[in-house]
Every structure is written in C-alpha cells, then in structure tokens.
Amino acid sequence: MPDEILTLLEVAGLLKVAEKTVYTMAQRAEIPAFKVRGQWRFKRVDLDGWIEAQKVVQNPSTPKNDPKPSDDEATDRGSRDDH
C-alpha cells in the first residue's frame, strides 16, 4: 500500500522502541508525523526516508583507512592560542 498510514503503536513496533519514545519524538518534530483529531499518525514512506537519513547520520561516508589524529594531536589542536 503506497500511502500506508501508521499509528503510534505500529511505529513503536516498527522501530522497536517504547510508545512514549515515539510520542516524544513526534512532539519534538524529531520524526515525520502529523495529527488527526489529536492522535499522531505517520506515513510509511516518510518513515522509510527518515530511517535512511538516520543511517547516513550514524554512518558518515568517510574512508575507513584515514588515520585518526592521536590523542596528543587532538589535545594540541584544542590548546593552541591563535591570538
């Protein structure tokens, strides 16, 4: 069904989180949602896009072979005085 509309309970099950978590995320506009007579509803296609966007945020496309700065280098960078 292309325009599938999900309830808060269904989204909680889909995301494997508590209903309260989905409710709070919807209130804070952290997840795509809309209200119908005071009850939260979610379009499946919007959620699918949101899930994909979260993957990008969590796994940025940076080469894994790039050397990371050592702790000393990171500390030196933070303590430089550019005045």
N, C-alpha and C. Protein backbone atom coordinates (compact mmCIF):
# COMPACT_ATOMS: atom_id res chain seq x y z
N MET A 1 0.85 -1.18 0.00
CA MET A 1 0.00 0.00 0.00
C MET A 1 0.89 1.24 0.00
N PRO A 2 0.85 2.06 -1.06
CA PRO A 2 1.79 3.17 -1.20
C PRO A 2 1.60 4.29 -0.18
N ASP A 3 0.37 4.59 0.20
CA ASP A 3 0.13 5.68 1.15
C ASP A 3 -0.24 5.14 2.53
N GLU A 4 0.47 4.12 2.95
CA GLU A 4 0.15 3.49 4.23
C GLU A 4 0.34 4.48 5.39
N ILE A 5 -0.67 4.57 6.23
CA ILE A 5 -0.64 5.43 7.41
C ILE A 5 -0.54 4.54 8.64
N LEU A 6 0.42 4.84 9.52
CA LEU A 6 0.65 4.02 10.70
C LEU A 6 0.26 4.78 11.97
N THR A 7 -0.13 4.03 12.97
CA THR A 7 -0.42 4.59 14.28
C THR A 7 0.86 4.65 15.11
N LEU A 8 0.77 5.34 16.22
CA LEU A 8 1.90 5.45 17.12
C LEU A 8 2.35 4.06 17.59
N LEU A 9 1.40 3.21 17.92
CA LEU A 9 1.71 1.85 18.38
C LEU A 9 2.43 1.06 17.28
N GLU A 10 1.98 1.20 16.04
CA GLU A 10 2.62 0.49 14.93
C GLU A 10 4.04 0.98 14.69
N VAL A 11 4.24 2.29 14.81
CA VAL A 11 5.59 2.85 14.61
C VAL A 11 6.52 2.39 15.73
N ALA A 12 6.01 2.36 16.95
CA ALA A 12 6.82 1.88 18.07
C ALA A 12 7.26 0.44 17.80
N GLY A 13 6.36 -0.38 17.31
CA GLY A 13 6.71 -1.76 16.98
C GLY A 13 7.71 -1.83 15.85
N LEU A 14 7.52 -1.02 14.84
CA LEU A 14 8.43 -0.98 13.69
C LEU A 14 9.85 -0.61 14.11
N LEU A 15 9.94 0.42 14.97
CA LEU A 15 11.25 0.91 15.39
C LEU A 15 11.81 0.17 16.60
N LYS A 16 10.99 -0.70 17.19
CA LYS A 16 11.39 -1.48 18.37
C LYS A 16 11.76 -0.56 19.54
N VAL A 17 10.89 0.43 19.76
CA VAL A 17 11.07 1.35 20.89
C VAL A 17 9.73 1.48 21.61
N ALA A 18 9.74 2.11 22.76
CA ALA A 18 8.53 2.31 23.54
C ALA A 18 7.61 3.33 22.86
N GLU A 19 6.32 3.20 23.09
CA GLU A 19 5.35 4.15 22.56
C GLU A 19 5.67 5.57 23.01
N LYS A 20 6.07 5.73 24.24
CA LYS A 20 6.39 7.05 24.79
C LYS A 20 7.55 7.69 24.01
N THR A 21 8.49 6.87 23.58
CA THR A 21 9.63 7.38 22.80
C THR A 21 9.14 7.97 21.48
N VAL A 22 8.28 7.25 20.79
CA VAL A 22 7.74 7.73 19.51
C VAL A 22 6.91 8.99 19.75
N TYR A 23 6.10 8.98 20.79
CA TYR A 23 5.26 10.14 21.12
C TYR A 23 6.12 11.38 21.34
N THR A 24 7.16 11.23 22.14
CA THR A 24 8.06 12.36 22.44
C THR A 24 8.77 12.83 21.18
N MET A 25 9.24 11.90 20.36
CA MET A 25 9.91 12.27 19.12
C MET A 25 8.98 13.02 18.18
N ALA A 26 7.72 12.59 18.11
CA ALA A 26 6.74 13.27 17.26
C ALA A 26 6.47 14.68 17.77
N GLN A 27 6.31 14.83 19.08
CA GLN A 27 6.07 16.15 19.67
C GLN A 27 7.22 17.10 19.38
N ARG A 28 8.44 16.60 19.40
CA ARG A 28 9.63 17.42 19.19
C ARG A 28 10.00 17.54 17.71
N ALA A 29 9.18 16.99 16.84
CA ALA A 29 9.42 17.01 15.39
C ALA A 29 10.74 16.32 15.03
N GLU A 30 11.11 15.30 15.79
CA GLU A 30 12.32 14.54 15.51
C GLU A 30 12.03 13.38 14.55
N ILE A 31 10.77 13.16 14.26
CA ILE A 31 10.34 12.09 13.37
C ILE A 31 9.16 12.65 12.57
N PRO A 32 9.05 12.31 11.28
CA PRO A 32 7.95 12.87 10.49
C PRO A 32 6.59 12.34 10.96
N ALA A 33 5.70 13.23 11.31
CA ALA A 33 4.40 12.83 11.85
C ALA A 33 3.38 13.94 11.63
N PHE A 34 2.11 13.59 11.78
CA PHE A 34 1.03 14.57 11.73
C PHE A 34 -0.08 14.08 12.64
N LYS A 35 -0.97 14.99 12.97
CA LYS A 35 -2.07 14.65 13.87
C LYS A 35 -3.39 14.58 13.13
N VAL A 36 -4.21 13.63 13.53
CA VAL A 36 -5.58 13.51 13.07
C VAL A 36 -6.45 13.53 14.32
N ARG A 37 -7.19 14.63 14.51
CA ARG A 37 -8.05 14.82 15.69
C ARG A 37 -7.29 14.51 16.98
N GLY A 38 -6.08 15.01 17.07
CA GLY A 38 -5.30 14.89 18.29
C GLY A 38 -4.50 13.61 18.45
N GLN A 39 -4.56 12.72 17.47
CA GLN A 39 -3.79 11.47 17.54
C GLN A 39 -2.69 11.48 16.48
N TRP A 40 -1.49 11.07 16.87
CA TRP A 40 -0.36 11.05 15.96
C TRP A 40 -0.52 9.96 14.91
N ARG A 41 -0.18 10.31 13.67
CA ARG A 41 -0.16 9.38 12.56
C ARG A 41 1.14 9.58 11.78
N PHE A 42 1.55 8.54 11.07
CA PHE A 42 2.83 8.54 10.39
C PHE A 42 2.68 7.90 9.01
N LYS A 43 3.21 8.57 7.97
CA LYS A 43 3.20 7.97 6.64
C LYS A 43 4.40 7.03 6.53
N ARG A 44 4.14 5.82 6.07
CA ARG A 44 5.20 4.81 5.97
C ARG A 44 6.35 5.30 5.08
N VAL A 45 6.02 5.93 3.96
CA VAL A 45 7.08 6.39 3.05
C VAL A 45 7.95 7.46 3.72
N ASP A 46 7.33 8.33 4.54
CA ASP A 46 8.10 9.34 5.27
C ASP A 46 9.03 8.68 6.29
N LEU A 47 8.52 7.67 6.97
CA LEU A 47 9.34 6.96 7.96
C LEU A 47 10.51 6.24 7.28
N ASP A 48 10.23 5.61 6.14
CA ASP A 48 11.30 4.91 5.41
C ASP A 48 12.41 5.88 5.03
N GLY A 49 12.04 7.07 4.55
CA GLY A 49 13.04 8.08 4.21
C GLY A 49 13.79 8.57 5.44
N TRP A 50 13.06 8.75 6.54
CA TRP A 50 13.68 9.19 7.79
C TRP A 50 14.68 8.15 8.29
N ILE A 51 14.30 6.89 8.21
CA ILE A 51 15.21 5.80 8.65
C ILE A 51 16.48 5.83 7.81
N GLU A 52 16.35 5.96 6.50
CA GLU A 52 17.53 6.02 5.63
C GLU A 52 18.40 7.22 5.98
N ALA A 53 17.79 8.35 6.27
CA ALA A 53 18.55 9.54 6.64
C ALA A 53 19.29 9.34 7.95
N GLN A 54 18.71 8.59 8.86
CA GLN A 54 19.38 8.33 10.13
C GLN A 54 20.60 7.46 9.92
N LYS A 55 20.54 6.53 8.99
CA LYS A 55 21.69 5.69 8.68
C LYS A 55 22.86 6.54 8.21
N VAL A 56 22.57 7.53 7.36
CA VAL A 56 23.61 8.41 6.84
C VAL A 56 24.24 9.20 7.98
N VAL A 57 23.42 9.69 8.90
CA VAL A 57 23.92 10.47 10.03
C VAL A 57 24.80 9.59 10.92
N GLN A 58 24.37 8.37 11.17
CA GLN A 58 25.10 7.47 12.06
C GLN A 58 26.35 6.90 11.41
N ASN A 59 26.36 6.75 10.07
CA ASN A 59 27.49 6.16 9.36
C ASN A 59 27.93 7.08 8.23
N PRO A 60 28.60 8.19 8.57
CA PRO A 60 29.00 9.12 7.51
C PRO A 60 29.94 8.42 6.53
N SER A 61 29.87 8.81 5.27
CA SER A 61 30.68 8.16 4.25
C SER A 61 32.08 8.75 4.22
N THR A 62 32.87 8.37 5.18
CA THR A 62 34.28 8.77 5.23
C THR A 62 35.12 7.52 5.07
N PRO A 63 36.23 7.63 4.38
CA PRO A 63 37.09 6.47 4.21
C PRO A 63 37.53 5.92 5.56
N LYS A 64 37.47 4.61 5.68
CA LYS A 64 37.81 3.98 6.95
C LYS A 64 39.31 3.85 7.15
N ASN A 65 40.09 4.05 6.10
CA ASN A 65 41.54 3.90 6.22
C ASN A 65 42.25 5.20 6.57
N ASP A 66 41.50 6.30 6.66
CA ASP A 66 42.12 7.57 7.03
C ASP A 66 42.62 7.48 8.47
N PRO A 67 43.87 7.84 8.69
CA PRO A 67 44.36 7.80 10.07
C PRO A 67 43.66 8.86 10.91
N LYS A 68 43.30 8.47 12.11
CA LYS A 68 42.70 9.42 13.04
C LYS A 68 43.81 10.10 13.81
N PRO A 69 43.63 11.36 14.19
CA PRO A 69 44.67 12.03 14.97
C PRO A 69 44.85 11.35 16.32
N SER A 70 46.09 11.31 16.75
CA SER A 70 46.35 10.72 18.06
C SER A 70 45.78 11.62 19.14
N ASP A 71 45.70 11.13 20.36
CA ASP A 71 45.20 11.93 21.47
C ASP A 71 46.05 13.18 21.65
N ASP A 72 47.36 13.05 21.46
CA ASP A 72 48.25 14.20 21.63
C ASP A 72 47.96 15.28 20.59
N GLU A 73 47.74 14.86 19.32
CA GLU A 73 47.45 15.82 18.27
C GLU A 73 46.14 16.53 18.53
N ALA A 74 45.14 15.79 18.97
CA ALA A 74 43.83 16.39 19.25
C ALA A 74 43.94 17.37 20.41
N THR A 75 44.73 17.04 21.41
CA THR A 75 44.92 17.92 22.56
C THR A 75 45.67 19.17 22.14
N ASP A 76 46.72 19.00 21.29
CA ASP A 76 47.49 20.15 20.83
C ASP A 76 46.60 21.12 20.05
N ARG A 77 45.74 20.58 19.20
CA ARG A 77 44.87 21.43 18.41
C ARG A 77 43.94 22.23 19.30
N GLY A 78 43.44 21.62 20.35
CA GLY A 78 42.50 22.29 21.24
C GLY A 78 43.16 23.33 22.12
N SER A 79 44.48 23.23 22.31
CA SER A 79 45.14 24.15 23.25
C SER A 79 45.90 25.27 22.56
N ARG A 80 45.87 25.34 21.22
CA ARG A 80 46.58 26.41 20.52
C ARG A 80 45.95 27.75 20.81
N ASP A 81 46.80 28.74 20.92
CA ASP A 81 46.31 30.10 21.17
C ASP A 81 46.55 30.89 19.91
N ASP A 82 45.49 31.25 19.19
CA ASP A 82 45.61 31.94 17.92
C ASP A 82 45.52 33.45 18.04
N HIS A 83 45.81 34.02 19.17
CA HIS A 83 45.67 35.46 19.36
C HIS A 83 46.88 36.19 18.85
